[in-house]
Amino acid sequence: MSKRQDNMDNQFIIVFITAPTKEVGEKIANALLDKKLAACVNLISPIRSLYIWEGRTNADEETLLVVKTRADLFADQLVPAVKAIHPYEVPEIIALPIVMGSSDYLEWIEAVTSGSL
């Protein structure tokens, strides 16, 4: 097992962000990439979201962003960067740990988000 896999300890995360349109999603993705807060962002569009807001059930088409980044960037940098752009009052910004990954890919995420690439 590589050193990267041995020492991962939830260091890398996948962040899900929904946006109202593909254009807003691309704006958020570009901001995260420009600020080195993400190594890669996939945009999946359209998705259909059903959710409860202000006591009503809603159904909307949205764009889903799948962001690959480091856990230490999430709370203090990534979330504020998204909220500065996002039009929703309470945007979905949730993270899941990457529990395993190829060492080359994880090293690439580390290099991009630390600004060494």
PDB file of N, CA and C in Angstrom:
ATOM      1  N   MET A   1       0.850  -1.178   0.000  1.00  0.00           N
ATOM      2  CA  MET A   1       0.000   0.000   0.000  1.00  0.00           C
ATOM      3  C   MET A   1       0.891   1.234   0.000  1.00  0.00           C
ATOM      4  N   SER A   2       0.514   2.249  -0.755  1.00  0.00           N
ATOM      5  CA  SER A   2       1.344   3.442  -0.846  1.00  0.00           C
ATOM      6  C   SER A   2       1.242   4.272   0.422  1.00  0.00           C
ATOM      7  N   LYS A   3       2.206   5.143   0.598  1.00  0.00           N
ATOM      8  CA  LYS A   3       2.203   6.054   1.748  1.00  0.00           C
ATOM      9  C   LYS A   3       0.941   6.908   1.737  1.00  0.00           C
ATOM     10  N   ARG A   4       0.512   7.360   0.562  1.00  0.00           N
ATOM     11  CA  ARG A   4      -0.682   8.200   0.446  1.00  0.00           C
ATOM     12  C   ARG A   4      -1.900   7.443   0.966  1.00  0.00           C
ATOM     13  N   GLN A   5      -2.059   6.176   0.599  1.00  0.00           N
ATOM     14  CA  GLN A   5      -3.205   5.395   1.057  1.00  0.00           C
ATOM     15  C   GLN A   5      -3.118   5.107   2.550  1.00  0.00           C
ATOM     16  N   ASP A   6      -1.907   4.867   3.081  1.00  0.00           N
ATOM     17  CA  ASP A   6      -1.746   4.611   4.504  1.00  0.00           C
ATOM     18  C   ASP A   6      -2.125   5.818   5.346  1.00  0.00           C
ATOM     19  N   ASN A   7      -1.825   7.004   4.873  1.00  0.00           N
ATOM     20  CA  ASN A   7      -1.988   8.217   5.660  1.00  0.00           C
ATOM     21  C   ASN A   7      -3.205   9.040   5.265  1.00  0.00           C
ATOM     22  N   MET A   8      -4.113   8.483   4.492  1.00  0.00           N
ATOM     23  CA  MET A   8      -5.215   9.274   3.964  1.00  0.00           C
ATOM     24  C   MET A   8      -6.109   9.812   5.070  1.00  0.00           C
ATOM     25  N   ASP A   9      -6.577   8.976   5.998  1.00  0.00           N
ATOM     26  CA  ASP A   9      -7.391   9.395   7.140  1.00  0.00           C
ATOM     27  C   ASP A   9      -8.409  10.486   6.785  1.00  0.00           C
ATOM     28  N   ASN A  10      -9.203  10.253   5.766  1.00  0.00           N
ATOM     29  CA  ASN A  10     -10.248  11.189   5.340  1.00  0.00           C
ATOM     30  C   ASN A  10      -9.696  12.567   4.963  1.00  0.00           C
ATOM     31  N   GLN A  11      -8.490  12.599   4.481  1.00  0.00           N
ATOM     32  CA  GLN A  11      -7.859  13.843   4.059  1.00  0.00           C
ATOM     33  C   GLN A  11      -8.511  14.393   2.790  1.00  0.00           C
ATOM     34  N   PHE A  12      -9.067  13.517   1.966  1.00  0.00           N
ATOM     35  CA  PHE A  12      -9.674  13.918   0.708  1.00  0.00           C
ATOM     36  C   PHE A  12     -11.178  13.701   0.769  1.00  0.00           C
ATOM     37  N   ILE A  13     -11.917  14.587   0.130  1.00  0.00           N
ATOM     38  CA  ILE A  13     -13.375  14.531   0.178  1.00  0.00           C
ATOM     39  C   ILE A  13     -13.978  14.758  -1.196  1.00  0.00           C
ATOM     40  N   ILE A  14     -15.218  14.309  -1.327  1.00  0.00           N
ATOM     41  CA  ILE A  14     -16.079  14.627  -2.461  1.00  0.00           C
ATOM     42  C   ILE A  14     -17.137  15.572  -1.906  1.00  0.00           C
ATOM     43  N   VAL A  15     -17.319  16.711  -2.536  1.00  0.00           N
ATOM     44  CA  VAL A  15     -18.309  17.688  -2.097  1.00  0.00           C
ATOM     45  C   VAL A  15     -19.421  17.732  -3.137  1.00  0.00           C
ATOM     46  N   PHE A  16     -20.667  17.648  -2.662  1.00  0.00           N
ATOM     47  CA  PHE A  16     -21.836  17.794  -3.522  1.00  0.00           C
ATOM     48  C   PHE A  16     -22.412  19.181  -3.320  1.00  0.00           C
ATOM     49  N   ILE A  17     -22.632  19.869  -4.427  1.00  0.00           N
ATOM     50  CA  ILE A  17     -23.239  21.196  -4.413  1.00  0.00           C
ATOM     51  C   ILE A  17     -24.304  21.204  -5.497  1.00  0.00           C
ATOM     52  N   THR A  18     -25.518  21.620  -5.162  1.00  0.00           N
ATOM     53  CA  THR A  18     -26.526  21.788  -6.203  1.00  0.00           C
ATOM     54  C   THR A  18     -26.628  23.263  -6.548  1.00  0.00           C
ATOM     55  N   ALA A  19     -26.902  23.529  -7.813  1.00  0.00           N
ATOM     56  CA  ALA A  19     -27.040  24.895  -8.316  1.00  0.00           C
ATOM     57  C   ALA A  19     -28.315  24.969  -9.159  1.00  0.00           C
ATOM     58  N   PRO A  20     -28.919  26.146  -9.249  1.00  0.00           N
ATOM     59  CA  PRO A  20     -30.187  26.261  -9.968  1.00  0.00           C
ATOM     60  C   PRO A  20     -30.066  26.093 -11.482  1.00  0.00           C
ATOM     61  N   THR A  21     -28.882  26.382 -12.031  1.00  0.00           N
ATOM     62  CA  THR A  21     -28.676  26.284 -13.481  1.00  0.00           C
ATOM     63  C   THR A  21     -27.257  25.796 -13.767  1.00  0.00           C
ATOM     64  N   LYS A  22     -27.051  25.349 -14.997  1.00  0.00           N
ATOM     65  CA  LYS A  22     -25.724  24.941 -15.427  1.00  0.00           C
ATOM     66  C   LYS A  22     -24.761  26.129 -15.391  1.00  0.00           C
ATOM     67  N   GLU A  23     -25.250  27.304 -15.744  1.00  0.00           N
ATOM     68  CA  GLU A  23     -24.408  28.503 -15.768  1.00  0.00           C
ATOM     69  C   GLU A  23     -23.908  28.855 -14.362  1.00  0.00           C
ATOM     70  N   VAL A  24     -24.796  28.790 -13.381  1.00  0.00           N
ATOM     71  CA  VAL A  24     -24.383  29.048 -11.996  1.00  0.00           C
ATOM     72  C   VAL A  24     -23.403  27.973 -11.543  1.00  0.00           C
ATOM     73  N   GLY A  25     -23.672  26.731 -11.897  1.00  0.00           N
ATOM     74  CA  GLY A  25     -22.765  25.643 -11.557  1.00  0.00           C
ATOM     75  C   GLY A  25     -21.379  25.854 -12.137  1.00  0.00           C
ATOM     76  N   GLU A  26     -21.302  26.276 -13.390  1.00  0.00           N
ATOM     77  CA  GLU A  26     -20.007  26.534 -14.027  1.00  0.00           C
ATOM     78  C   GLU A  26     -19.287  27.705 -13.363  1.00  0.00           C
ATOM     79  N   LYS A  27     -20.029  28.715 -12.963  1.00  0.00           N
ATOM     80  CA  LYS A  27     -19.431  29.871 -12.277  1.00  0.00           C
ATOM     81  C   LYS A  27     -18.813  29.426 -10.950  1.00  0.00           C
ATOM     82  N   ILE A  28     -19.539  28.613 -10.196  1.00  0.00           N
ATOM     83  CA  ILE A  28     -19.019  28.089  -8.930  1.00  0.00           C
ATOM     84  C   ILE A  28     -17.806  27.201  -9.186  1.00  0.00           C
ATOM     85  N   ALA A  29     -17.904  26.301 -10.159  1.00  0.00           N
ATOM     86  CA  ALA A  29     -16.801  25.390 -10.475  1.00  0.00           C
ATOM     87  C   ALA A  29     -15.546  26.172 -10.847  1.00  0.00           C
ATOM     88  N   ASN A  30     -15.694  27.156 -11.720  1.00  0.00           N
ATOM     89  CA  ASN A  30     -14.532  27.950 -12.133  1.00  0.00           C
ATOM     90  C   ASN A  30     -13.913  28.707 -10.971  1.00  0.00           C
ATOM     91  N   ALA A  31     -14.742  29.231 -10.064  1.00  0.00           N
ATOM     92  CA  ALA A  31     -14.211  29.940  -8.897  1.00  0.00           C
ATOM     93  C   ALA A  31     -13.406  28.991  -8.005  1.00  0.00           C
ATOM     94  N   LEU A  32     -13.933  27.782  -7.780  1.00  0.00           N
ATOM     95  CA  LEU A  32     -13.228  26.819  -6.945  1.00  0.00           C
ATOM     96  C   LEU A  32     -11.906  26.391  -7.581  1.00  0.00           C
ATOM     97  N   LEU A  33     -11.913  26.194  -8.897  1.00  0.00           N
ATOM     98  CA  LEU A  33     -10.685  25.813  -9.600  1.00  0.00           C
ATOM     99  C   LEU A  33      -9.682  26.964  -9.603  1.00  0.00           C
ATOM    100  N   ASP A  34     -10.138  28.176  -9.862  1.00  0.00           N
ATOM    101  CA  ASP A  34      -9.247  29.338  -9.893  1.00  0.00           C
ATOM    102  C   ASP A  34      -8.568  29.577  -8.552  1.00  0.00           C
ATOM    103  N   LYS A  35      -9.305  29.315  -7.465  1.00  0.00           N
ATOM    104  CA  LYS A  35      -8.773  29.528  -6.110  1.00  0.00           C
ATOM    105  C   LYS A  35      -8.031  28.302  -5.575  1.00  0.00           C
ATOM    106  N   LYS A  36      -7.873  27.272  -6.408  1.00  0.00           N
ATOM    107  CA  LYS A  36      -7.207  26.017  -6.020  1.00  0.00           C
ATOM    108  C   LYS A  36      -7.901  25.343  -4.842  1.00  0.00           C
ATOM    109  N   LEU A  37      -9.234  25.516  -4.762  1.00  0.00           N
ATOM    110  CA  LEU A  37     -10.019  24.860  -3.719  1.00  0.00           C
ATOM    111  C   LEU A  37     -10.567  23.522  -4.186  1.00  0.00           C
ATOM    112  N   ALA A  38     -10.357  23.207  -5.454  1.00  0.00           N
ATOM    113  CA  ALA A  38     -10.783  21.935  -6.037  1.00  0.00           C
ATOM    114  C   ALA A  38      -9.789  21.538  -7.109  1.00  0.00           C
ATOM    115  N   ALA A  39      -9.606  20.232  -7.251  1.00  0.00           N
ATOM    116  CA  ALA A  39      -8.768  19.722  -8.328  1.00  0.00           C
ATOM    117  C   ALA A  39      -9.602  19.423  -9.561  1.00  0.00           C
ATOM    118  N   CYS A  40     -10.864  19.053  -9.339  1.00  0.00           N
ATOM    119  CA  CYS A  40     -11.756  18.675 -10.430  1.00  0.00           C
ATOM    120  C   CYS A  40     -13.191  18.895  -9.980  1.00  0.00           C
ATOM    121  N   VAL A  41     -14.027  19.359 -10.900  1.00  0.00           N
ATOM    122  CA  VAL A  41     -15.457  19.503 -10.631  1.00  0.00           C
ATOM    123  C   VAL A  41     -16.215  18.908 -11.809  1.00  0.00           C
ATOM    124  N   ASN A  42     -17.068  17.927 -11.535  1.00  0.00           N
ATOM    125  CA  ASN A  42     -17.962  17.370 -12.549  1.00  0.00           C
ATOM    126  C   ASN A  42     -19.305  18.061 -12.402  1.00  0.00           C
ATOM    127  N   LEU A  43     -19.904  18.440 -13.528  1.00  0.00           N
ATOM    128  CA  LEU A  43     -21.244  19.003 -13.523  1.00  0.00           C
ATOM    129  C   LEU A  43     -22.191  17.999 -14.150  1.00  0.00           C
ATOM    130  N   ILE A  44     -23.229  17.641 -13.417  1.00  0.00           N
ATOM    131  CA  ILE A  44     -24.235  16.700 -13.893  1.00  0.00           C
ATOM    132  C   ILE A  44     -25.538  17.463 -14.003  1.00  0.00           C
ATOM    133  N   SER A  45     -26.063  17.511 -15.226  1.00  0.00           N
ATOM    134  CA  SER A  45     -27.245  18.342 -15.452  1.00  0.00           C
ATOM    135  C   SER A  45     -28.078  17.767 -16.585  1.00  0.00           C
ATOM    136  N   PRO A  46     -29.374  17.806 -16.478  1.00  0.00           N
ATOM    137  CA  PRO A  46     -30.124  18.228 -15.302  1.00  0.00           C
ATOM    138  C   PRO A  46     -30.325  17.065 -14.330  1.00  0.00           C
ATOM    139  N   ILE A  47     -30.515  17.432 -13.077  1.00  0.00           N
ATOM    140  CA  ILE A  47     -30.986  16.480 -12.074  1.00  0.00           C
ATOM    141  C   ILE A  47     -32.336  17.002 -11.597  1.00  0.00           C
ATOM    142  N   ARG A  48     -33.126  16.147 -11.038  1.00  0.00           N
ATOM    143  CA  ARG A  48     -34.423  16.557 -10.481  1.00  0.00           C
ATOM    144  C   ARG A  48     -34.330  16.440  -8.973  1.00  0.00           C
ATOM    145  N   SER A  49     -34.524  17.551  -8.292  1.00  0.00           N
ATOM    146  CA  SER A  49     -34.441  17.593  -6.838  1.00  0.00           C
ATOM    147  C   SER A  49     -35.823  17.801  -6.245  1.00  0.00           C
ATOM    148  N   LEU A  50     -36.173  16.964  -5.310  1.00  0.00           N
ATOM    149  CA  LEU A  50     -37.404  17.118  -4.537  1.00  0.00           C
ATOM    150  C   LEU A  50     -36.984  17.403  -3.109  1.00  0.00           C
ATOM    151  N   TYR A  51     -37.540  18.449  -2.525  1.00  0.00           N
ATOM    152  CA  TYR A  51     -37.092  18.871  -1.202  1.00  0.00           C
ATOM    153  C   TYR A  51     -38.185  19.683  -0.517  1.00  0.00           C
ATOM    154  N   ILE A  52     -38.049  19.803   0.796  1.00  0.00           N
ATOM    155  CA  ILE A  52     -38.983  20.611   1.572  1.00  0.00           C
ATOM    156  C   ILE A  52     -38.306  21.932   1.900  1.00  0.00           C
ATOM    157  N   TRP A  53     -38.980  23.027   1.579  1.00  0.00           N
ATOM    158  CA  TRP A  53     -38.474  24.367   1.882  1.00  0.00           C
ATOM    159  C   TRP A  53     -39.648  25.218   2.348  1.00  0.00           C
ATOM    160  N   GLU A  54     -39.486  25.830   3.500  1.00  0.00           N
ATOM    161  CA  GLU A  54     -40.510  26.689   4.091  1.00  0.00           C
ATOM    162  C   GLU A  54     -41.862  25.978   4.173  1.00  0.00           C
ATOM    163  N   GLY A  55     -41.801  24.679   4.580  1.00  0.00           N
ATOM    164  CA  GLY A  55     -43.005  23.901   4.813  1.00  0.00           C
ATOM    165  C   GLY A  55     -43.683  23.341   3.581  1.00  0.00           C
ATOM    166  N   ARG A  56     -43.122  23.572   2.399  1.00  0.00           N
ATOM    167  CA  ARG A  56     -43.721  23.072   1.151  1.00  0.00           C
ATOM    168  C   ARG A  56     -42.771  22.109   0.464  1.00  0.00           C
ATOM    169  N   THR A  57     -43.342  21.102  -0.173  1.00  0.00           N
ATOM    170  CA  THR A  57     -42.544  20.203  -0.999  1.00  0.00           C
ATOM    171  C   THR A  57     -42.366  20.847  -2.364  1.00  0.00           C
ATOM    172  N   ASN A  58     -41.124  20.896  -2.820  1.00  0.00           N
ATOM    173  CA  ASN A  58     -40.774  21.506  -4.101  1.00  0.00           C
ATOM    174  C   ASN A  58     -40.097  20.470  -4.993  1.00  0.00           C
ATOM    175  N   ALA A  59     -40.174  20.688  -6.288  1.00  0.00           N
ATOM    176  CA  ALA A  59     -39.479  19.851  -7.266  1.00  0.00           C
ATOM    177  C   ALA A  59     -38.893  20.781  -8.317  1.00  0.00           C
ATOM    178  N   ASP A  60     -37.563  20.716  -8.470  1.00  0.00           N
ATOM    179  CA  ASP A  60     -36.879  21.605  -9.415  1.00  0.00           C
ATOM    180  C   ASP A  60     -35.816  20.849 -10.190  1.00  0.00           C
ATOM    181  N   GLU A  61     -35.521  21.334 -11.382  1.00  0.00           N
ATOM    182  CA  GLU A  61     -34.350  20.868 -12.108  1.00  0.00           C
ATOM    183  C   GLU A  61     -33.162  21.684 -11.628  1.00  0.00           C
ATOM    184  N   GLU A  62     -32.071  20.993 -11.368  1.00  0.00           N
ATOM    185  CA  GLU A  62     -30.853  21.644 -10.896  1.00  0.00           C
ATOM    186  C   GLU A  62     -29.646  21.021 -11.584  1.00  0.00           C
ATOM    187  N   THR A  63     -28.490  21.578 -11.288  1.00  0.00           N
ATOM    188  CA  THR A  63     -27.215  21.024 -11.712  1.00  0.00           C
ATOM    189  C   THR A  63     -26.476  20.572 -10.469  1.00  0.00           C
ATOM    190  N   LEU A  64     -25.897  19.380 -10.520  1.00  0.00           N
ATOM    191  CA  LEU A  64     -25.130  18.847  -9.401  1.00  0.00           C
ATOM    192  C   LEU A  64     -23.646  18.981  -9.690  1.00  0.00           C
ATOM    193  N   LEU A  65     -22.926  19.589  -8.764  1.00  0.00           N
ATOM    194  CA  LEU A  65     -21.476  19.673  -8.853  1.00  0.00           C
ATOM    195  C   LEU A  65     -20.886  18.592  -7.954  1.00  0.00           C
ATOM    196  N   VAL A  66     -19.925  17.846  -8.490  1.00  0.00           N
ATOM    197  CA  VAL A  66     -19.209  16.818  -7.736  1.00  0.00           C
ATOM    198  C   VAL A  66     -17.758  17.286  -7.688  1.00  0.00           C
ATOM    199  N   VAL A  67     -17.333  17.722  -6.512  1.00  0.00           N
ATOM    200  CA  VAL A  67     -16.055  18.404  -6.334  1.00  0.00           C
ATOM    201  C   VAL A  67     -15.068  17.487  -5.618  1.00  0.00           C
ATOM    202  N   LYS A  68     -13.866  17.349  -6.173  1.00  0.00           N
ATOM    203  CA  LYS A  68     -12.803  16.579  -5.528  1.00  0.00           C
ATOM    204  C   LYS A  68     -11.813  17.559  -4.911  1.00  0.00           C
ATOM    205  N   THR A  69     -11.598  17.433  -3.591  1.00  0.00           N
ATOM    206  CA  THR A  69     -10.757  18.386  -2.878  1.00  0.00           C
ATOM    207  C   THR A  69     -10.203  17.769  -1.610  1.00  0.00           C
ATOM    208  N   ARG A  70      -9.593  18.617  -0.775  1.00  0.00           N
ATOM    209  CA  ARG A  70      -9.050  18.205   0.522  1.00  0.00           C
ATOM    210  C   ARG A  70      -9.995  18.627   1.637  1.00  0.00           C
ATOM    211  N   ALA A  71     -10.082  17.810   2.677  1.00  0.00           N
ATOM    212  CA  ALA A  71     -10.968  18.093   3.798  1.00  0.00           C
ATOM    213  C   ALA A  71     -10.603  19.388   4.514  1.00  0.00           C
ATOM    214  N   ASP A  72      -9.322  19.696   4.607  1.00  0.00           N
ATOM    215  CA  ASP A  72      -8.913  20.896   5.342  1.00  0.00           C
ATOM    216  C   ASP A  72      -9.301  22.202   4.647  1.00  0.00           C
ATOM    217  N   LEU A  73      -9.736  22.140   3.408  1.00  0.00           N
ATOM    218  CA  LEU A  73     -10.166  23.346   2.682  1.00  0.00           C
ATOM    219  C   LEU A  73     -11.667  23.603   2.826  1.00  0.00           C
ATOM    220  N   PHE A  74     -12.407  22.629   3.330  1.00  0.00           N
ATOM    221  CA  PHE A  74     -13.866  22.680   3.282  1.00  0.00           C
ATOM    222  C   PHE A  74     -14.471  23.848   4.069  1.00  0.00           C
ATOM    223  N   ALA A  75     -14.361  23.849   5.364  1.00  0.00           N
ATOM    224  CA  ALA A  75     -15.118  24.788   6.210  1.00  0.00           C
ATOM    225  C   ALA A  75     -14.669  26.241   6.066  1.00  0.00           C
ATOM    226  N   ASP A  76     -13.375  26.476   6.091  1.00  0.00           N
ATOM    227  CA  ASP A  76     -12.888  27.854   6.122  1.00  0.00           C
ATOM    228  C   ASP A  76     -12.723  28.510   4.759  1.00  0.00           C
ATOM    229  N   GLN A  77     -12.637  27.713   3.691  1.00  0.00           N
ATOM    230  CA  GLN A  77     -12.387  28.306   2.379  1.00  0.00           C
ATOM    231  C   GLN A  77     -13.432  27.937   1.329  1.00  0.00           C
ATOM    232  N   LEU A  78     -13.693  26.645   1.153  1.00  0.00           N
ATOM    233  CA  LEU A  78     -14.607  26.225   0.089  1.00  0.00           C
ATOM    234  C   LEU A  78     -16.034  26.698   0.343  1.00  0.00           C
ATOM    235  N   VAL A  79     -16.562  26.452   1.536  1.00  0.00           N
ATOM    236  CA  VAL A  79     -17.943  26.846   1.832  1.00  0.00           C
ATOM    237  C   VAL A  79     -18.142  28.352   1.655  1.00  0.00           C
ATOM    238  N   PRO A  80     -17.290  29.215   2.225  1.00  0.00           N
ATOM    239  CA  PRO A  80     -17.479  30.656   2.000  1.00  0.00           C
ATOM    240  C   PRO A  80     -17.368  31.061   0.523  1.00  0.00           C
ATOM    241  N   ALA A  81     -16.475  30.401  -0.220  1.00  0.00           N
ATOM    242  CA  ALA A  81     -16.334  30.724  -1.649  1.00  0.00           C
ATOM    243  C   ALA A  81     -17.610  30.391  -2.408  1.00  0.00           C
ATOM    244  N   VAL A  82     -18.233  29.264  -2.086  1.00  0.00           N
ATOM    245  CA  VAL A  82     -19.490  28.886  -2.741  1.00  0.00           C
ATOM    246  C   VAL A  82     -20.603  29.850  -2.343  1.00  0.00           C
ATOM    247  N   LYS A  83     -20.713  30.124  -1.052  1.00  0.00           N
ATOM    248  CA  LYS A  83     -21.793  30.999  -0.571  1.00  0.00           C
ATOM    249  C   LYS A  83     -21.687  32.413  -1.139  1.00  0.00           C
ATOM    250  N   ALA A  84     -20.490  32.866  -1.448  1.00  0.00           N
ATOM    251  CA  ALA A  84     -20.299  34.205  -2.020  1.00  0.00           C
ATOM    252  C   ALA A  84     -20.903  34.315  -3.422  1.00  0.00           C
ATOM    253  N   ILE A  85     -21.040  33.192  -4.107  1.00  0.00           N
ATOM    254  CA  ILE A  85     -21.546  33.169  -5.481  1.00  0.00           C
ATOM    255  C   ILE A  85     -22.977  32.639  -5.554  1.00  0.00           C
ATOM    256  N   HIS A  86     -23.295  31.691  -4.709  1.00  0.00           N
ATOM    257  CA  HIS A  86     -24.533  30.914  -4.828  1.00  0.00           C
ATOM    258  C   HIS A  86     -25.770  31.766  -4.546  1.00  0.00           C
ATOM    259  N   PRO A  87     -26.807  31.648  -5.383  1.00  0.00           N
ATOM    260  CA  PRO A  87     -28.009  32.457  -5.181  1.00  0.00           C
ATOM    261  C   PRO A  87     -28.970  31.919  -4.115  1.00  0.00           C
ATOM    262  N   TYR A  88     -28.810  30.659  -3.697  1.00  0.00           N
ATOM    263  CA  TYR A  88     -29.732  30.092  -2.714  1.00  0.00           C
ATOM    264  C   TYR A  88     -29.450  30.647  -1.316  1.00  0.00           C
ATOM    265  N   GLU A  89     -30.495  30.790  -0.533  1.00  0.00           N
ATOM    266  CA  GLU A  89     -30.350  31.209   0.860  1.00  0.00           C
ATOM    267  C   GLU A  89     -29.603  30.156   1.673  1.00  0.00           C
ATOM    268  N   VAL A  90     -29.912  28.887   1.412  1.00  0.00           N
ATOM    269  CA  VAL A  90     -29.259  27.761   2.092  1.00  0.00           C
ATOM    270  C   VAL A  90     -28.818  26.757   1.017  1.00  0.00           C
ATOM    271  N   PRO A  91     -27.659  26.974   0.411  1.00  0.00           N
ATOM    272  CA  PRO A  91     -27.215  26.044  -0.636  1.00  0.00           C
ATOM    273  C   PRO A  91     -26.782  24.698  -0.054  1.00  0.00           C
ATOM    274  N   GLU A  92     -26.996  23.661  -0.845  1.00  0.00           N
ATOM    275  CA  GLU A  92     -26.481  22.344  -0.475  1.00  0.00           C
ATOM    276  C   GLU A  92     -24.979  22.340  -0.708  1.00  0.00           C
ATOM    277  N   ILE A  93     -24.233  22.153   0.358  1.00  0.00           N
ATOM    278  CA  ILE A  93     -22.776  22.006   0.289  1.00  0.00           C
ATOM    279  C   ILE A  93     -22.446  20.934   1.319  1.00  0.00           C
ATOM    280  N   ILE A  94     -22.346  19.697   0.862  1.00  0.00           N
ATOM    281  CA  ILE A  94     -22.094  18.586   1.776  1.00  0.00           C
ATOM    282  C   ILE A  94     -20.887  17.792   1.297  1.00  0.00           C
ATOM    283  N   ALA A  95     -20.195  17.168   2.238  1.00  0.00           N
ATOM    284  CA  ALA A  95     -18.973  16.443   1.899  1.00  0.00           C
ATOM    285  C   ALA A  95     -19.016  15.019   2.416  1.00  0.00           C
ATOM    286  N   LEU A  96     -18.424  14.146   1.644  1.00  0.00           N
ATOM    287  CA  LEU A  96     -18.238  12.748   2.015  1.00  0.00           C
ATOM    288  C   LEU A  96     -16.756  12.424   1.905  1.00  0.00           C
ATOM    289  N   PRO A  97     -16.239  11.595   2.809  1.00  0.00           N
ATOM    290  CA  PRO A  97     -14.820  11.246   2.721  1.00  0.00           C
ATOM    291  C   PRO A  97     -14.552  10.311   1.553  1.00  0.00           C
ATOM    292  N   ILE A  98     -13.388  10.460   0.971  1.00  0.00           N
ATOM    293  CA  ILE A  98     -12.895   9.479   0.007  1.00  0.00           C
ATOM    294  C   ILE A  98     -12.139   8.453   0.854  1.00  0.00           C
ATOM    295  N   VAL A  99     -12.695   7.273   0.966  1.00  0.00           N
ATOM    296  CA  VAL A  99     -12.083   6.280   1.851  1.00  0.00           C
ATOM    297  C   VAL A  99     -10.957   5.504   1.175  1.00  0.00           C
ATOM    298  N   MET A 100     -10.966   5.469  -0.152  1.00  0.00           N
ATOM    299  CA  MET A 100      -9.878   4.850  -0.900  1.00  0.00           C
ATOM    300  C   MET A 100      -9.782   5.528  -2.248  1.00  0.00           C
ATOM    301  N   GLY A 101      -8.584   5.521  -2.804  1.00  0.00           N
ATOM    302  CA  GLY A 101      -8.364   6.082  -4.128  1.00  0.00           C
ATOM    303  C   GLY A 101      -6.987   5.700  -4.619  1.00  0.00           C
ATOM    304  N   SER A 102      -6.796   5.781  -5.918  1.00  0.00           N
ATOM    305  CA  SER A 102      -5.470   5.464  -6.439  1.00  0.00           C
ATOM    306  C   SER A 102      -4.492   6.528  -5.953  1.00  0.00           C
ATOM    307  N   SER A 103      -3.313   6.108  -5.614  1.00  0.00           N
ATOM    308  CA  SER A 103      -2.323   7.032  -5.062  1.00  0.00           C
ATOM    309  C   SER A 103      -1.988   8.149  -6.045  1.00  0.00           C
ATOM    310  N   ASP A 104      -1.928   7.847  -7.337  1.00  0.00           N
ATOM    311  CA  ASP A 104      -1.635   8.877  -8.331  1.00  0.00           C
ATOM    312  C   ASP A 104      -2.713   9.956  -8.345  1.00  0.00           C
ATOM    313  N   TYR A 105      -3.974   9.545  -8.288  1.00  0.00           N
ATOM    314  CA  TYR A 105      -5.082  10.508  -8.314  1.00  0.00           C
ATOM    315  C   TYR A 105      -5.090  11.357  -7.051  1.00  0.00           C
ATOM    316  N   LEU A 106      -4.915  10.729  -5.894  1.00  0.00           N
ATOM    317  CA  LEU A 106      -4.914  11.478  -4.641  1.00  0.00           C
ATOM    318  C   LEU A 106      -3.730  12.438  -4.566  1.00  0.00           C
ATOM    319  N   GLU A 107      -2.577  12.019  -5.053  1.00  0.00           N
ATOM    320  CA  GLU A 107      -1.411  12.909  -5.103  1.00  0.00           C
ATOM    321  C   GLU A 107      -1.677  14.088  -6.027  1.00  0.00           C
ATOM    322  N   TRP A 108      -2.404  13.861  -7.126  1.00  0.00           N
ATOM    323  CA  TRP A 108      -2.771  14.948  -8.038  1.00  0.00           C
ATOM    324  C   TRP A 108      -3.706  15.948  -7.342  1.00  0.00           C
ATOM    325  N   ILE A 109      -4.723  15.456  -6.612  1.00  0.00           N
ATOM    326  CA  ILE A 109      -5.607  16.362  -5.861  1.00  0.00           C
ATOM    327  C   ILE A 109      -4.776  17.202  -4.900  1.00  0.00           C
ATOM    328  N   GLU A 110      -3.875  16.563  -4.170  1.00  0.00           N
ATOM    329  CA  GLU A 110      -3.016  17.271  -3.216  1.00  0.00           C
ATOM    330  C   GLU A 110      -2.194  18.350  -3.918  1.00  0.00           C
ATOM    331  N   ALA A 111      -1.577  17.994  -5.033  1.00  0.00           N
ATOM    332  CA  ALA A 111      -0.718  18.938  -5.748  1.00  0.00           C
ATOM    333  C   ALA A 111      -1.499  20.128  -6.287  1.00  0.00           C
ATOM    334  N   VAL A 112      -2.647  19.869  -6.886  1.00  0.00           N
ATOM    335  CA  VAL A 112      -3.438  20.959  -7.470  1.00  0.00           C
ATOM    336  C   VAL A 112      -3.956  21.897  -6.388  1.00  0.00           C
ATOM    337  N   THR A 113      -4.511  21.340  -5.326  1.00  0.00           N
ATOM    338  CA  THR A 113      -5.124  22.178  -4.290  1.00  0.00           C
ATOM    339  C   THR A 113      -4.105  22.843  -3.378  1.00  0.00           C
ATOM    340  N   SER A 114      -2.863  22.396  -3.419  1.00  0.00           N
ATOM    341  CA  SER A 114      -1.830  23.077  -2.638  1.00  0.00           C
ATOM    342  C   SER A 114      -1.070  24.083  -3.499  1.00  0.00           C
ATOM    343  N   GLY A 115      -1.446  24.153  -4.788  1.00  0.00           N
ATOM    344  CA  GLY A 115      -0.826  25.118  -5.683  1.00  0.00           C
ATOM    345  C   GLY A 115       0.549  24.709  -6.192  1.00  0.00           C
ATOM    346  N   SER A 116       0.900  23.432  -6.034  1.00  0.00           N
ATOM    347  CA  SER A 116       2.206  23.001  -6.499  1.00  0.00           C
ATOM    348  C   SER A 116       2.203  22.488  -7.937  1.00  0.00           C
ATOM    349  N   LEU A 117       1.049  22.516  -8.586  1.00  0.00           N
ATOM    350  CA  LEU A 117       0.974  22.174 -10.015  1.00  0.00           C
ATOM    351  C   LEU A 117       0.584  23.392 -10.803  1.00  0.00           C
TER     352      LEU A 117
END
